[in-house]
Amino acid sequence: MKAPVRALVVDDDPSLRLLCRVNLEHAGFEVEEASTVEEAEAALVDPPAVVLLDVHLGGSQSTVLLGQIHDAGIPVAIVTGSVDVSEYRDLADAVLSKPFAPGVLVEVATRLARVGE
């Protein structure tokens, strides 16, 4: 049996993390959650297949984290309610604008994690 693909959800909003967890697990992902930059950095020691990152988590620290994830070659989708995401476009592989449909979340995570390839 094939091992589940691991996704890391980084957001300080427990409701959003739960929404992501339920939908991704339903799609077959193994989900790890982080609510702080420090928790996310610890989770990156064992790199996930994909990261979903709230870029407004911890101020500029989350932008540094985004750069670290990008530099490590881990696919990352930023999750944001901001209208202007131009400063993140070079570091992110996708943008999920809040609110988003659960199907879009799963599609983006599946595409970035290259599930089925």
N, C-alpha and C. Protein backbone atom coordinates (compact mmCIF):
# COMPACT_ATOMS: atom_id res chain seq x y z
N MET A 1 0.85 -1.19 0.00
CA MET A 1 0.00 0.00 0.00
C MET A 1 0.89 1.24 0.00
N LYS A 2 0.53 2.19 -0.81
CA LYS A 2 1.29 3.43 -0.94
C LYS A 2 1.08 4.32 0.29
N ALA A 3 2.19 4.89 0.78
CA ALA A 3 2.12 5.79 1.94
C ALA A 3 1.40 7.07 1.56
N PRO A 4 0.64 7.65 2.51
CA PRO A 4 -0.06 8.90 2.20
C PRO A 4 0.94 10.04 1.97
N VAL A 5 0.55 10.97 1.15
CA VAL A 5 1.35 12.16 0.87
C VAL A 5 1.13 13.15 2.00
N ARG A 6 2.24 13.71 2.52
CA ARG A 6 2.14 14.60 3.68
C ARG A 6 2.04 16.06 3.25
N ALA A 7 1.07 16.75 3.86
CA ALA A 7 0.88 18.19 3.66
C ALA A 7 1.05 18.89 5.01
N LEU A 8 1.67 20.04 4.98
CA LEU A 8 1.82 20.87 6.18
C LEU A 8 0.95 22.11 6.01
N VAL A 9 0.05 22.31 6.97
CA VAL A 9 -0.84 23.47 6.97
C VAL A 9 -0.37 24.42 8.06
N VAL A 10 0.03 25.62 7.67
CA VAL A 10 0.56 26.61 8.62
C VAL A 10 -0.36 27.81 8.65
N ASP A 11 -1.10 27.95 9.76
CA ASP A 11 -2.03 29.07 9.91
C ASP A 11 -2.33 29.24 11.39
N ASP A 12 -2.49 30.47 11.84
CA ASP A 12 -2.78 30.71 13.25
C ASP A 12 -4.27 30.58 13.57
N ASP A 13 -5.09 30.37 12.54
CA ASP A 13 -6.53 30.23 12.73
C ASP A 13 -6.88 28.74 12.83
N PRO A 14 -7.28 28.27 14.03
CA PRO A 14 -7.58 26.85 14.19
C PRO A 14 -8.73 26.37 13.30
N SER A 15 -9.69 27.24 13.00
CA SER A 15 -10.81 26.86 12.13
C SER A 15 -10.34 26.59 10.71
N LEU A 16 -9.43 27.41 10.22
CA LEU A 16 -8.91 27.21 8.88
C LEU A 16 -8.06 25.95 8.82
N ARG A 17 -7.26 25.72 9.85
CA ARG A 17 -6.46 24.49 9.88
C ARG A 17 -7.37 23.27 9.87
N LEU A 18 -8.47 23.31 10.62
CA LEU A 18 -9.41 22.20 10.66
C LEU A 18 -10.04 21.99 9.28
N LEU A 19 -10.48 23.06 8.64
CA LEU A 19 -11.06 22.98 7.30
C LEU A 19 -10.07 22.30 6.34
N CYS A 20 -8.83 22.74 6.39
CA CYS A 20 -7.81 22.17 5.51
C CYS A 20 -7.57 20.70 5.86
N ARG A 21 -7.43 20.40 7.14
CA ARG A 21 -7.17 19.02 7.57
C ARG A 21 -8.27 18.07 7.09
N VAL A 22 -9.52 18.41 7.37
CA VAL A 22 -10.64 17.53 7.02
C VAL A 22 -10.67 17.27 5.51
N ASN A 23 -10.55 18.32 4.73
CA ASN A 23 -10.64 18.16 3.28
C ASN A 23 -9.43 17.44 2.69
N LEU A 24 -8.25 17.75 3.18
CA LEU A 24 -7.06 17.08 2.67
C LEU A 24 -7.02 15.62 3.10
N GLU A 25 -7.39 15.33 4.34
CA GLU A 25 -7.41 13.94 4.78
C GLU A 25 -8.45 13.14 3.99
N HIS A 26 -9.59 13.76 3.71
CA HIS A 26 -10.61 13.10 2.90
C HIS A 26 -10.06 12.76 1.52
N ALA A 27 -9.15 13.56 1.01
CA ALA A 27 -8.53 13.33 -0.30
C ALA A 27 -7.34 12.38 -0.22
N GLY A 28 -7.02 11.90 0.99
CA GLY A 28 -5.95 10.92 1.13
C GLY A 28 -4.62 11.44 1.63
N PHE A 29 -4.55 12.73 1.95
CA PHE A 29 -3.32 13.31 2.48
C PHE A 29 -3.16 12.97 3.96
N GLU A 30 -1.93 12.92 4.40
CA GLU A 30 -1.60 12.93 5.82
C GLU A 30 -1.31 14.40 6.13
N VAL A 31 -1.94 14.96 7.15
CA VAL A 31 -1.84 16.40 7.40
C VAL A 31 -1.15 16.66 8.73
N GLU A 32 -0.18 17.56 8.68
CA GLU A 32 0.46 18.08 9.90
C GLU A 32 0.11 19.55 9.98
N GLU A 33 -0.13 20.03 11.19
CA GLU A 33 -0.52 21.42 11.37
C GLU A 33 0.55 22.17 12.16
N ALA A 34 0.67 23.45 11.89
CA ALA A 34 1.52 24.34 12.65
C ALA A 34 0.78 25.67 12.80
N SER A 35 0.84 26.24 14.01
CA SER A 35 0.15 27.51 14.23
C SER A 35 1.13 28.68 14.37
N THR A 36 2.43 28.37 14.40
CA THR A 36 3.45 29.42 14.51
C THR A 36 4.58 29.14 13.51
N VAL A 37 5.39 30.14 13.27
CA VAL A 37 6.56 29.98 12.40
C VAL A 37 7.49 28.93 13.00
N GLU A 38 7.67 28.97 14.31
CA GLU A 38 8.57 28.01 14.97
C GLU A 38 8.08 26.57 14.80
N GLU A 39 6.78 26.35 14.96
CA GLU A 39 6.23 25.01 14.76
C GLU A 39 6.42 24.56 13.31
N ALA A 40 6.24 25.47 12.38
CA ALA A 40 6.42 25.14 10.97
C ALA A 40 7.87 24.78 10.68
N GLU A 41 8.80 25.54 11.21
CA GLU A 41 10.22 25.24 11.00
C GLU A 41 10.56 23.85 11.53
N ALA A 42 10.02 23.50 12.69
CA ALA A 42 10.26 22.17 13.26
C ALA A 42 9.68 21.08 12.36
N ALA A 43 8.53 21.33 11.77
CA ALA A 43 7.88 20.34 10.90
C ALA A 43 8.63 20.17 9.58
N LEU A 44 9.39 21.17 9.18
CA LEU A 44 10.12 21.11 7.91
C LEU A 44 11.37 20.25 7.99
N VAL A 45 11.74 19.82 9.20
CA VAL A 45 12.90 18.93 9.35
C VAL A 45 12.67 17.66 8.54
N ASP A 46 11.44 17.17 8.52
CA ASP A 46 11.03 16.06 7.67
C ASP A 46 10.14 16.69 6.59
N PRO A 47 10.71 17.07 5.44
CA PRO A 47 9.98 17.87 4.47
C PRO A 47 8.68 17.22 3.97
N PRO A 48 7.59 17.98 4.02
CA PRO A 48 6.33 17.50 3.47
C PRO A 48 6.34 17.58 1.95
N ALA A 49 5.33 17.00 1.32
CA ALA A 49 5.21 17.08 -0.14
C ALA A 49 4.72 18.45 -0.59
N VAL A 50 3.97 19.13 0.31
CA VAL A 50 3.41 20.44 -0.01
C VAL A 50 3.16 21.20 1.29
N VAL A 51 3.28 22.52 1.21
CA VAL A 51 2.99 23.39 2.36
C VAL A 51 1.92 24.39 1.95
N LEU A 52 0.94 24.57 2.84
CA LEU A 52 -0.07 25.61 2.69
C LEU A 52 0.21 26.62 3.79
N LEU A 53 0.61 27.82 3.43
CA LEU A 53 1.14 28.79 4.38
C LEU A 53 0.37 30.10 4.38
N ASP A 54 -0.09 30.49 5.57
CA ASP A 54 -0.65 31.83 5.78
C ASP A 54 0.52 32.79 5.87
N VAL A 55 0.64 33.69 4.91
CA VAL A 55 1.80 34.58 4.89
C VAL A 55 1.70 35.73 5.88
N HIS A 56 0.59 35.86 6.58
CA HIS A 56 0.48 36.91 7.58
C HIS A 56 0.61 36.35 8.98
N LEU A 57 1.29 35.27 9.09
CA LEU A 57 1.53 34.60 10.36
C LEU A 57 2.88 35.09 10.88
N GLY A 58 2.88 35.79 11.98
CA GLY A 58 4.16 36.22 12.57
C GLY A 58 4.86 37.35 11.83
N GLY A 59 4.11 38.18 11.14
CA GLY A 59 4.69 39.33 10.47
C GLY A 59 5.72 38.95 9.43
N SER A 60 6.88 39.58 9.46
CA SER A 60 7.92 39.33 8.46
C SER A 60 8.53 37.94 8.60
N GLN A 61 8.35 37.31 9.76
CA GLN A 61 8.88 35.95 9.94
C GLN A 61 8.26 34.98 8.95
N SER A 62 7.00 35.16 8.63
CA SER A 62 6.37 34.23 7.70
C SER A 62 6.91 34.42 6.28
N THR A 63 7.32 35.63 5.94
CA THR A 63 7.93 35.86 4.63
C THR A 63 9.29 35.17 4.57
N VAL A 64 10.03 35.22 5.67
CA VAL A 64 11.32 34.51 5.75
C VAL A 64 11.07 33.01 5.63
N LEU A 65 10.05 32.51 6.32
CA LEU A 65 9.70 31.10 6.25
C LEU A 65 9.33 30.71 4.82
N LEU A 66 8.57 31.53 4.15
CA LEU A 66 8.21 31.28 2.75
C LEU A 66 9.47 31.13 1.91
N GLY A 67 10.44 32.00 2.12
CA GLY A 67 11.71 31.91 1.40
C GLY A 67 12.46 30.62 1.70
N GLN A 68 12.45 30.19 2.95
CA GLN A 68 13.12 28.95 3.33
C GLN A 68 12.46 27.74 2.66
N ILE A 69 11.14 27.74 2.65
CA ILE A 69 10.40 26.64 2.02
C ILE A 69 10.71 26.60 0.53
N HIS A 70 10.67 27.76 -0.10
CA HIS A 70 10.97 27.87 -1.53
C HIS A 70 12.39 27.39 -1.82
N ASP A 71 13.35 27.86 -1.04
CA ASP A 71 14.75 27.49 -1.25
C ASP A 71 15.00 26.00 -1.05
N ALA A 72 14.18 25.36 -0.20
CA ALA A 72 14.31 23.92 0.04
C ALA A 72 13.67 23.11 -1.08
N GLY A 73 13.00 23.78 -2.01
CA GLY A 73 12.39 23.10 -3.14
C GLY A 73 11.07 22.41 -2.80
N ILE A 74 10.45 22.83 -1.70
CA ILE A 74 9.16 22.27 -1.30
C ILE A 74 8.06 23.11 -1.93
N PRO A 75 7.15 22.50 -2.67
CA PRO A 75 6.05 23.27 -3.25
C PRO A 75 5.23 23.94 -2.15
N VAL A 76 4.88 25.21 -2.38
CA VAL A 76 4.15 25.96 -1.36
C VAL A 76 3.05 26.80 -2.00
N ALA A 77 1.89 26.75 -1.37
CA ALA A 77 0.77 27.62 -1.74
C ALA A 77 0.56 28.59 -0.59
N ILE A 78 0.52 29.87 -0.90
CA ILE A 78 0.21 30.82 0.15
C ILE A 78 -1.30 30.92 0.27
N VAL A 79 -1.75 31.02 1.51
CA VAL A 79 -3.17 31.14 1.84
C VAL A 79 -3.34 32.51 2.45
N THR A 80 -4.13 33.36 1.80
CA THR A 80 -4.21 34.74 2.26
C THR A 80 -5.56 35.36 1.96
N GLY A 81 -5.90 36.34 2.77
CA GLY A 81 -7.07 37.15 2.54
C GLY A 81 -6.70 38.47 1.89
N SER A 82 -5.40 38.69 1.68
CA SER A 82 -4.92 39.93 1.09
C SER A 82 -5.23 39.99 -0.40
N VAL A 83 -5.48 41.18 -0.85
CA VAL A 83 -5.75 41.38 -2.27
C VAL A 83 -4.44 41.41 -3.04
N ASP A 84 -3.43 42.08 -2.51
CA ASP A 84 -2.15 42.23 -3.20
C ASP A 84 -1.17 41.18 -2.70
N VAL A 85 -0.87 40.22 -3.55
CA VAL A 85 0.09 39.17 -3.19
C VAL A 85 1.31 39.21 -4.10
N SER A 86 1.49 40.32 -4.80
CA SER A 86 2.58 40.42 -5.77
C SER A 86 3.96 40.19 -5.15
N GLU A 87 4.14 40.58 -3.89
CA GLU A 87 5.45 40.41 -3.27
C GLU A 87 5.80 38.95 -3.01
N TYR A 88 4.80 38.07 -3.05
CA TYR A 88 5.03 36.65 -2.77
C TYR A 88 5.07 35.78 -4.03
N ARG A 89 4.68 36.32 -5.15
CA ARG A 89 4.51 35.53 -6.37
C ARG A 89 5.77 34.76 -6.78
N ASP A 90 6.95 35.35 -6.58
CA ASP A 90 8.20 34.69 -6.99
C ASP A 90 8.56 33.52 -6.08
N LEU A 91 8.01 33.49 -4.87
CA LEU A 91 8.37 32.45 -3.91
C LEU A 91 7.31 31.37 -3.78
N ALA A 92 6.10 31.66 -4.21
CA ALA A 92 4.98 30.72 -4.05
C ALA A 92 4.68 30.03 -5.38
N ASP A 93 4.24 28.78 -5.27
CA ASP A 93 3.86 28.03 -6.45
C ASP A 93 2.38 28.22 -6.78
N ALA A 94 1.61 28.68 -5.79
CA ALA A 94 0.18 28.92 -5.99
C ALA A 94 -0.31 29.87 -4.91
N VAL A 95 -1.46 30.47 -5.15
CA VAL A 95 -2.10 31.36 -4.19
C VAL A 95 -3.53 30.89 -3.98
N LEU A 96 -3.90 30.68 -2.72
CA LEU A 96 -5.28 30.37 -2.35
C LEU A 96 -5.83 31.60 -1.64
N SER A 97 -6.76 32.27 -2.27
CA SER A 97 -7.34 33.46 -1.67
C SER A 97 -8.51 33.07 -0.78
N LYS A 98 -8.49 33.56 0.47
CA LYS A 98 -9.59 33.31 1.41
C LYS A 98 -10.77 34.20 1.02
N PRO A 99 -11.96 33.71 1.06
CA PRO A 99 -12.34 32.31 1.28
C PRO A 99 -12.14 31.50 0.01
N PHE A 100 -11.87 30.22 0.15
CA PHE A 100 -11.69 29.35 -1.00
C PHE A 100 -12.58 28.12 -0.84
N ALA A 101 -12.90 27.52 -1.95
CA ALA A 101 -13.73 26.30 -1.95
C ALA A 101 -12.85 25.11 -1.57
N PRO A 102 -13.36 24.19 -0.78
CA PRO A 102 -12.59 23.01 -0.41
C PRO A 102 -12.03 22.24 -1.61
N GLY A 103 -12.79 22.18 -2.68
CA GLY A 103 -12.32 21.49 -3.88
C GLY A 103 -11.09 22.15 -4.48
N VAL A 104 -11.04 23.47 -4.41
CA VAL A 104 -9.89 24.21 -4.92
C VAL A 104 -8.66 23.92 -4.05
N LEU A 105 -8.85 23.87 -2.75
CA LEU A 105 -7.77 23.52 -1.82
C LEU A 105 -7.18 22.16 -2.19
N VAL A 106 -8.02 21.18 -2.35
CA VAL A 106 -7.56 19.82 -2.66
C VAL A 106 -6.88 19.79 -4.03
N GLU A 107 -7.44 20.48 -5.01
CA GLU A 107 -6.85 20.50 -6.35
C GLU A 107 -5.46 21.11 -6.33
N VAL A 108 -5.30 22.22 -5.64
CA VAL A 108 -4.00 22.89 -5.57
C VAL A 108 -2.98 22.01 -4.84
N ALA A 109 -3.37 21.46 -3.70
CA ALA A 109 -2.45 20.61 -2.93
C ALA A 109 -2.07 19.37 -3.73
N THR A 110 -3.02 18.77 -4.41
CA THR A 110 -2.75 17.57 -5.22
C THR A 110 -1.80 17.89 -6.37
N ARG A 111 -2.05 19.01 -7.04
CA ARG A 111 -1.20 19.41 -8.15
C ARG A 111 0.22 19.71 -7.70
N LEU A 112 0.35 20.48 -6.61
CA LEU A 112 1.69 20.85 -6.14
C LEU A 112 2.45 19.66 -5.58
N ALA A 113 1.76 18.75 -4.92
CA ALA A 113 2.42 17.57 -4.35
C ALA A 113 2.67 16.51 -5.41
N ARG A 114 2.19 16.77 -6.61
CA ARG A 114 2.36 15.84 -7.74
C ARG A 114 1.81 14.46 -7.42
N VAL A 115 0.65 14.45 -6.77
CA VAL A 115 -0.01 13.19 -6.45
C VAL A 115 -0.48 12.55 -7.77
N GLY A 116 -0.20 11.29 -7.91
CA GLY A 116 -0.62 10.55 -9.09
C GLY A 116 0.38 10.54 -10.22
N GLU A 117 1.50 11.21 -10.04
CA GLU A 117 2.53 11.21 -11.10
C GLU A 117 3.47 10.05 -10.92
